[in-house]
Protein backbone atom coordinates (compact mmCIF):
# COMPACT_ATOMS: atom_id res chain seq x y z
CA MET A 1 2.99 -33.56 -11.05
CA SER A 2 5.29 -31.44 -8.84
CA PHE A 3 5.66 -28.96 -11.70
CA LEU A 4 1.87 -28.64 -11.97
CA LYS A 5 1.59 -28.10 -8.24
CA ASN A 6 4.22 -25.36 -8.26
CA ARG A 7 2.64 -23.72 -11.28
CA SER A 8 -0.79 -23.64 -9.67
CA ALA A 9 0.71 -21.92 -6.62
CA ILE A 10 1.88 -18.92 -8.69
CA PRO A 11 -0.44 -15.94 -8.09
CA ARG A 12 -2.77 -15.02 -10.95
CA THR A 13 -1.39 -11.47 -11.01
CA HIS A 14 2.05 -12.73 -12.06
CA TRP A 15 0.63 -14.79 -14.91
CA LEU A 16 -1.29 -11.73 -16.04
CA HIS A 17 1.83 -9.59 -15.78
CA GLY A 18 3.73 -11.94 -18.08
CA VAL A 19 0.95 -12.01 -20.67
CA LYS A 20 0.38 -8.24 -20.53
CA THR A 21 4.08 -7.45 -20.85
CA ALA A 22 4.29 -9.69 -23.93
CA VAL A 23 1.21 -8.03 -25.43
CA ALA A 24 2.57 -4.53 -24.77
CA ALA A 25 5.98 -5.42 -26.24
CA GLY A 26 4.33 -6.98 -29.29
CA LEU A 27 2.15 -3.92 -29.79
CA CYS A 28 5.17 -1.64 -29.52
CA TYR A 29 7.17 -3.75 -31.94
CA GLY A 30 4.32 -3.67 -34.44
CA ILE A 31 4.07 0.14 -34.27
CA THR A 32 7.82 0.72 -34.67
CA THR A 33 7.97 -1.77 -37.52
CA PHE A 34 5.00 -0.19 -39.29
CA TYR A 35 6.65 3.23 -39.16
CA ASN A 36 10.07 1.72 -39.97
CA LEU A 37 11.82 3.36 -37.00
CA GLU A 38 15.57 2.73 -37.17
CA TYR A 39 16.03 2.42 -33.40
CA GLY A 40 12.63 0.93 -32.61
CA TYR A 41 14.19 -1.54 -30.18
CA TRP A 42 14.54 1.33 -27.67
CA ALA A 43 10.75 1.58 -27.70
CA VAL A 44 10.34 -2.14 -26.97
CA ILE A 45 12.97 -2.00 -24.22
CA SER A 46 11.14 0.94 -22.64
CA THR A 47 7.86 -1.01 -22.72
CA VAL A 48 9.39 -3.92 -20.82
CA ILE A 49 11.06 -1.59 -18.30
CA VAL A 50 7.96 0.39 -17.33
CA MET A 51 5.46 -2.50 -17.37
CA GLN A 52 4.70 -3.41 -13.74
CA VAL A 53 2.35 -5.82 -12.01
CA TYR A 54 0.07 -3.11 -10.58
CA VAL A 55 -1.44 -0.16 -12.40
CA ALA A 56 -0.13 2.36 -9.86
CA ASP A 57 3.43 1.09 -10.28
CA SER A 58 3.13 1.16 -14.07
CA ILE A 59 1.91 4.77 -13.98
CA ARG A 60 4.75 5.71 -11.65
CA MET A 61 7.32 4.06 -13.91
CA CYS A 62 5.81 5.66 -17.03
CA LEU A 63 6.10 9.12 -15.51
CA TYR A 64 9.57 8.35 -14.20
CA ARG A 65 10.81 6.99 -17.54
CA LEU A 66 9.22 9.70 -19.71
CA SER A 67 10.38 12.66 -17.63
CA GLY A 68 13.86 11.20 -17.25
CA THR A 69 14.06 10.50 -20.98
CA ILE A 70 13.09 14.05 -21.94
CA ILE A 71 15.61 15.59 -19.52
CA GLY A 72 18.39 13.21 -20.56
CA ALA A 73 17.72 13.58 -24.28
CA LEU A 74 17.77 17.38 -24.06
CA MET A 75 21.04 17.27 -22.13
CA GLY A 76 22.45 14.81 -24.68
CA ILE A 77 21.43 17.02 -27.60
CA GLY A 78 23.05 20.00 -25.90
CA ALA A 79 26.27 18.05 -25.40
CA LEU A 80 26.28 16.86 -29.05
CA LEU A 81 25.88 20.40 -30.33
CA TYR A 82 28.39 22.00 -27.95
CA PHE A 83 31.33 19.57 -27.79
CA PRO A 84 33.45 18.77 -30.84
CA ASP A 85 33.61 15.28 -32.33
CA THR A 86 37.02 14.45 -30.88
CA THR A 87 38.15 11.94 -28.29
CA LEU A 88 38.45 14.65 -25.63
CA GLY A 89 35.22 16.28 -26.76
CA ARG A 90 33.30 13.00 -26.49
CA LEU A 91 34.80 12.40 -23.07
CA PHE A 92 33.55 15.71 -21.69
CA ALA A 93 30.24 15.32 -23.52
CA VAL A 94 29.63 12.14 -21.51
CA LEU A 95 31.15 13.22 -18.18
CA LEU A 96 29.30 16.51 -17.81
CA PRO A 97 25.66 15.30 -18.23
CA VAL A 98 26.33 12.12 -16.26
CA GLY A 99 27.91 14.08 -13.41
CA ILE A 100 25.06 16.59 -13.29
CA CYS A 101 22.33 13.93 -13.45
CA SER A 102 24.03 11.78 -10.82
CA PHE A 103 24.19 14.77 -8.48
CA MET A 104 20.54 15.64 -9.16
CA THR A 105 19.37 12.16 -8.10
CA HIS A 106 19.74 13.56 -4.59
CA TYR A 107 16.60 15.61 -5.31
CA ASN A 108 14.70 13.28 -7.65
CA PRO A 109 15.38 9.68 -8.78
CA ARG A 110 14.21 10.47 -12.33
CA TYR A 111 17.67 11.93 -13.03
CA ARG A 112 19.11 8.41 -12.95
CA MET A 113 17.06 7.63 -16.04
CA ALA A 114 18.08 11.01 -17.46
CA ALA A 115 21.76 10.04 -17.13
CA ILE A 116 21.16 6.75 -18.96
CA THR A 117 19.31 8.47 -21.80
CA ALA A 118 21.96 11.18 -22.09
CA VAL A 119 24.69 8.53 -22.47
CA ILE A 120 22.66 6.68 -25.12
CA VAL A 121 22.07 9.85 -27.14
CA ILE A 122 25.67 11.03 -26.87
CA MET A 123 27.41 7.72 -27.55
CA THR A 124 25.30 6.96 -30.63
CA GLY A 125 24.62 10.48 -31.88
CA PHE A 126 28.01 11.99 -32.70
CA THR A 127 28.05 10.43 -36.18
CA ALA A 128 24.45 11.41 -36.96
CA PRO A 129 24.11 14.11 -39.65
CA ASP A 130 21.23 15.74 -37.72
CA LYS A 131 22.23 15.57 -34.07
CA ALA A 132 19.16 17.38 -32.73
CA GLY A 133 16.82 15.28 -34.82
CA PHE A 134 18.60 12.13 -33.65
CA GLY A 135 18.05 13.10 -30.00
CA PHE A 136 14.37 13.96 -30.48
CA SER A 137 13.86 10.65 -32.31
CA ARG A 138 14.94 8.82 -29.17
CA ILE A 139 12.30 10.71 -27.17
CA ILE A 140 9.62 9.70 -29.67
CA GLU A 141 10.68 6.05 -29.68
CA ILE A 142 10.77 5.77 -25.90
CA ALA A 143 7.45 7.65 -25.66
CA ILE A 144 5.88 5.07 -27.99
CA GLY A 145 7.08 2.28 -25.71
CA ILE A 146 5.77 4.04 -22.64
CA CYS A 147 2.36 4.67 -24.23
CA CYS A 148 2.05 1.00 -25.20
CA ALA A 149 2.83 -0.12 -21.65
CA PHE A 150 0.46 2.47 -20.19
CA ALA A 151 -2.42 1.49 -22.48
CA VAL A 152 -2.08 -2.24 -21.87
CA SER A 153 -1.65 -1.74 -18.11
CA ILE A 154 -4.90 0.18 -17.65
CA LEU A 155 -7.04 -1.45 -20.36
CA VAL A 156 -6.11 -5.15 -20.35
CA PHE A 157 -7.15 -6.90 -17.12
CA PRO A 158 -5.87 -4.05 -14.92
CA VAL A 159 -4.59 -5.09 -11.49
CA ARG A 160 -5.31 -2.10 -9.26
CA VAL A 161 -3.60 -1.43 -5.97
CA VAL A 162 -6.91 -0.17 -4.57
CA ASP A 163 -8.37 -3.67 -5.01
CA VAL A 164 -5.29 -5.21 -3.40
CA LEU A 165 -5.57 -2.79 -0.49
CA LYS A 166 -9.25 -3.56 0.06
CA GLU A 167 -8.55 -7.29 0.03
CA ASN A 168 -5.66 -6.83 2.47
CA ILE A 169 -7.80 -4.79 4.85
CA ASN A 170 -10.55 -7.42 4.80
CA LYS A 171 -8.02 -10.10 5.72
CA GLN A 172 -6.53 -7.87 8.42
CA ALA A 173 -9.99 -7.23 9.88
CA LEU A 174 -10.60 -10.97 10.15
CA GLU A 175 -7.22 -11.38 11.81
CA CYS A 176 -8.06 -8.56 14.24
CA CYS A 177 -11.24 -10.40 15.19
CA GLU A 178 -9.27 -13.60 15.81
CA LYS A 179 -6.72 -11.80 17.99
CA TYR A 180 -9.50 -9.98 19.83
CA ASP A 181 -11.08 -13.35 20.65
CA ILE A 182 -7.78 -14.62 22.04
CA LEU A 183 -7.28 -11.53 24.18
CA THR A 184 -10.86 -11.45 25.45
CA ARG A 185 -10.79 -15.13 26.46
CA ALA A 186 -7.45 -14.63 28.19
CA PHE A 187 -8.83 -11.66 30.12
CA LEU A 188 -12.05 -13.33 31.18
CA ASN A 189 -10.29 -16.59 32.07
CA GLY A 190 -8.25 -15.28 34.96
CA GLN A 191 -6.25 -12.59 33.09
CA LYS A 192 -3.82 -15.06 31.54
CA ARG A 193 -0.69 -13.97 29.73
CA VAL A 194 -0.52 -14.15 25.94
CA GLY A 195 2.39 -14.39 23.52
CA GLU A 196 4.42 -11.20 23.22
CA ALA A 197 4.56 -11.61 19.43
CA LEU A 198 0.81 -12.08 19.08
CA LEU A 199 0.31 -8.87 17.08
CA GLU A 200 3.71 -8.30 15.47
CA ASP A 201 2.84 -9.63 12.02
CA LEU A 202 -0.58 -7.98 12.03
CA THR A 203 0.93 -4.62 13.01
CA ARG A 204 3.37 -4.76 10.07
CA LYS A 205 0.55 -5.56 7.67
CA VAL A 206 -1.60 -2.70 8.93
CA TRP A 207 1.23 -0.16 8.62
CA LYS A 208 1.80 -1.36 5.04
CA ASN A 209 -1.66 0.01 4.23
CA HIS A 210 -0.33 3.57 4.38
CA GLU A 211 2.24 2.87 1.66
CA LEU A 212 -0.39 1.34 -0.62
CA PHE A 213 -2.79 4.20 0.06
CA GLN A 214 -0.18 6.77 -0.98
CA SER A 215 0.46 4.83 -4.18
CA ILE A 216 -3.26 4.90 -4.97
CA LYS A 217 -3.62 8.57 -4.09
CA GLN A 218 -0.64 9.68 -6.19
CA HIS A 219 -1.25 7.53 -9.26
CA GLU A 220 -4.35 5.36 -9.59
CA ALA A 221 -6.76 7.99 -8.24
CA LEU A 222 -5.91 10.16 -11.24
CA ILE A 223 -7.51 7.58 -13.54
CA TYR A 224 -9.88 5.38 -11.56
CA HIS A 225 -11.91 7.97 -9.67
CA ARG A 226 -14.74 5.58 -8.92
CA LYS A 227 -12.45 2.88 -7.62
CA PHE A 228 -10.77 5.21 -5.17
CA SER A 229 -12.93 5.36 -2.07
CA LYS A 230 -12.86 8.59 -0.11
CA ASN A 231 -13.58 6.52 2.96
CA MET A 232 -10.45 4.42 2.54
CA LYS A 233 -8.30 6.79 4.57
CA ARG A 234 -10.77 6.66 7.47
CA ILE A 235 -10.86 2.87 7.36
CA ILE A 236 -7.05 2.68 7.36
CA SER A 237 -6.89 5.07 10.31
CA THR A 238 -9.49 3.01 12.18
CA MET A 239 -7.50 -0.17 11.54
CA ASP A 240 -4.48 1.57 13.09
CA LYS A 241 -6.52 2.41 16.19
CA VAL A 242 -7.95 -1.09 16.49
CA VAL A 243 -4.50 -2.68 16.38
CA GLU A 244 -3.16 -0.16 18.89
CA HIS A 245 -6.01 -0.99 21.30
CA LEU A 246 -5.28 -4.70 20.86
CA ARG A 247 -1.61 -4.04 21.62
CA THR A 248 -2.61 -2.20 24.79
CA MET A 249 -4.72 -5.19 25.82
CA THR A 250 -1.74 -7.48 25.19
CA ARG A 251 0.57 -5.35 27.34
CA THR A 252 -2.08 -5.18 30.04
CA LEU A 253 -2.41 -8.96 30.24
CA ASN A 254 1.35 -9.47 30.33
CA VAL A 255 2.21 -7.06 33.15
CA THR A 256 1.70 -9.73 35.80
CA GLU A 257 1.89 -13.45 36.38
CA GLU A 258 -0.36 -13.42 39.42
CA ARG A 259 -3.46 -15.61 39.51
CA GLY A 260 -6.40 -13.64 38.16
CA PHE A 261 -10.04 -13.21 39.06
CA ASP A 262 -13.28 -14.27 37.45
CA ILE A 263 -14.87 -11.26 35.75
CA ILE A 264 -18.51 -10.94 36.78
CA MET A 265 -19.17 -8.82 33.67
CA GLU A 266 -18.28 -11.72 31.35
CA LYS A 267 -21.62 -11.66 29.52
CA GLU A 268 -21.58 -7.90 28.87
CA LEU A 269 -17.94 -7.82 27.79
CA THR A 270 -18.40 -10.81 25.49
CA VAL A 271 -21.33 -9.06 23.80
CA LEU A 272 -19.28 -5.87 23.49
CA ALA A 273 -16.41 -7.77 21.87
CA ASP A 274 -18.72 -9.63 19.48
CA ARG A 275 -20.50 -6.48 18.36
CA SER A 276 -17.22 -4.63 17.99
CA LYS A 277 -15.98 -7.37 15.68
CA ALA A 278 -19.23 -7.23 13.71
CA ALA A 279 -18.89 -3.45 13.37
CA LEU A 280 -15.30 -3.78 12.17
CA MET A 281 -16.24 -6.27 9.45
CA ASP A 282 -19.23 -4.12 8.46
CA LEU A 283 -16.94 -1.09 8.19
CA VAL A 284 -14.39 -2.75 5.88
CA GLU A 285 -16.85 -4.77 3.81
CA ASN A 286 -19.86 -2.47 3.52
CA ASP A 287 -18.58 0.98 4.59
CA GLY A 288 -20.61 0.62 7.79
CA ALA A 289 -24.00 0.15 6.13
CA ALA A 290 -25.40 -1.82 9.08
CA GLY A 291 -24.98 1.09 11.49
CA THR A 292 -23.94 1.16 15.14
CA ASP A 293 -27.18 0.79 17.13
CA ARG A 294 -26.32 -2.65 18.50
CA LEU A 295 -22.76 -1.60 19.29
CA SER A 296 -23.94 1.53 21.09
CA GLN A 297 -26.32 -0.59 23.14
CA ALA A 298 -23.46 -2.92 24.12
CA ILE A 299 -21.30 0.05 25.17
CA ALA A 300 -24.12 1.44 27.30
CA ALA A 301 -24.85 -1.96 28.82
CA THR A 302 -21.27 -2.51 29.97
CA GLU A 303 -21.09 1.00 31.45
CA GLU A 304 -24.35 0.45 33.32
CA ARG A 305 -23.23 -2.97 34.59
CA LEU A 306 -19.89 -1.62 35.80
CA HIS A 307 -21.61 1.27 37.57
CA THR A 308 -23.91 -1.20 39.34
CA LEU A 309 -21.03 -3.41 40.46
CA ARG A 310 -19.03 -0.44 41.71
CA SER A 311 -21.99 0.83 43.72
CA GLN A 312 -22.27 -2.64 45.28
CA GLY A 313 -18.57 -2.58 46.19
CA VAL A 314 -17.77 -5.66 44.09
CA THR A 315 -14.57 -4.16 42.67
CA ALA A 316 -13.19 -3.84 46.21
CA ARG A 317 -12.03 -7.45 45.96
CA PHE A 318 -9.26 -6.32 43.60
CA ASP A 319 -5.95 -5.14 44.99
CA LEU A 320 -4.59 -1.95 43.44
CA HIS A 321 -2.53 -3.77 40.82
CA LYS A 322 -5.42 -5.97 39.68
CA LEU A 323 -7.80 -3.02 39.71
CA GLU A 324 -5.46 -1.10 37.43
CA GLN A 325 -5.16 -4.10 35.11
CA PHE A 326 -8.93 -4.55 34.97
CA TYR A 327 -9.67 -0.92 34.14
CA SER A 328 -6.88 -0.75 31.57
CA PHE A 329 -8.26 -3.72 29.66
CA TYR A 330 -11.85 -2.63 30.12
CA HIS A 331 -11.19 0.88 28.80
CA SER A 332 -9.24 -0.50 25.83
CA MET A 333 -12.30 -2.52 24.88
CA HIS A 334 -14.48 0.55 25.28
CA TYR A 335 -12.22 2.87 23.31
CA LEU A 336 -11.98 0.28 20.54
CA ALA A 337 -15.77 0.07 20.35
CA GLU A 338 -16.19 3.85 20.42
CA ASP A 339 -13.61 4.35 17.66
CA LEU A 340 -15.42 1.81 15.50
CA ALA A 341 -18.79 3.43 16.18
CA ALA A 342 -17.41 6.86 15.26
CA ALA A 343 -15.86 5.53 12.02
CA VAL A 344 -19.06 3.79 10.96
CA GLU A 345 -21.16 6.88 11.65
CA SER A 346 -18.71 9.10 9.76
CA ASN A 347 -18.93 6.84 6.71
CA LYS A 348 -22.71 6.83 6.85
CA ASN A 349 -22.86 10.63 7.06
CA ARG A 350 -20.29 11.33 4.33
């Protein structure tokens, strides 16, 4: 029973990765066997190496492996043709390409794979009657393995980073709403302090979005044009701003331990927070299809209410420190709402 429980906890993507890797390796083995390739195992090894969980990572590894293989094989062929088949000749044939490739990894990591391929070609190619043909055969074999991995990765139950990113952002938006609730209640209930680490985990998750976005932009967007949303960058940027506003609210609440005041604008600020949260979820789930009319009304209502209270001298009850704290939190709520409204409108007018 414990084994079944542990097995059910394994993410679906990892089960898929195991099945897809086996399928790709089997396909590669079948092709190399059909064409009776002498060193077909290099093709199968290459398939296993480049096959990754996500499509973007598989594409990256395919490009990395193929380019490195071509460079390394050409260097290996050059070494086979130039150096004599002696102990000293073989030594220099290995040292020179490996040294050059290892140095070049400073500029591009693909040269690490080039060094490996060069060693393979050189160490096994000195006894070949056709040294150049032997080296080019290794390129063909590895290319077959790469093509098998590439085909299976994008055609058989593809796991796209863009889908992972969208799911992550939806979860982060829900978490933002939860944190916003905590901060709003703390502010309205006498400006109580909150935990310093309230947003640490959320902040790390949101910054991770940039890494995933770059992976999509550089690799998956070349194939899945429809799956790559042009609005994704704007949504990621808006999430950054939302979290930064929440962090400002956290710092604002924690600058003092003095007893706070009841906020007469509780109704208006609660409505503003609720509609901001609704706008955030609409932005990440529906690209802002619901619009910003209700949010704009809430922004205007809070501004009008604050203007009325100021004209009545109500804010005079605050000392300078409390007044600064109130306006800092208030403006953070407003800026958050305005950023969300601008993002939603930009998506609607794209």
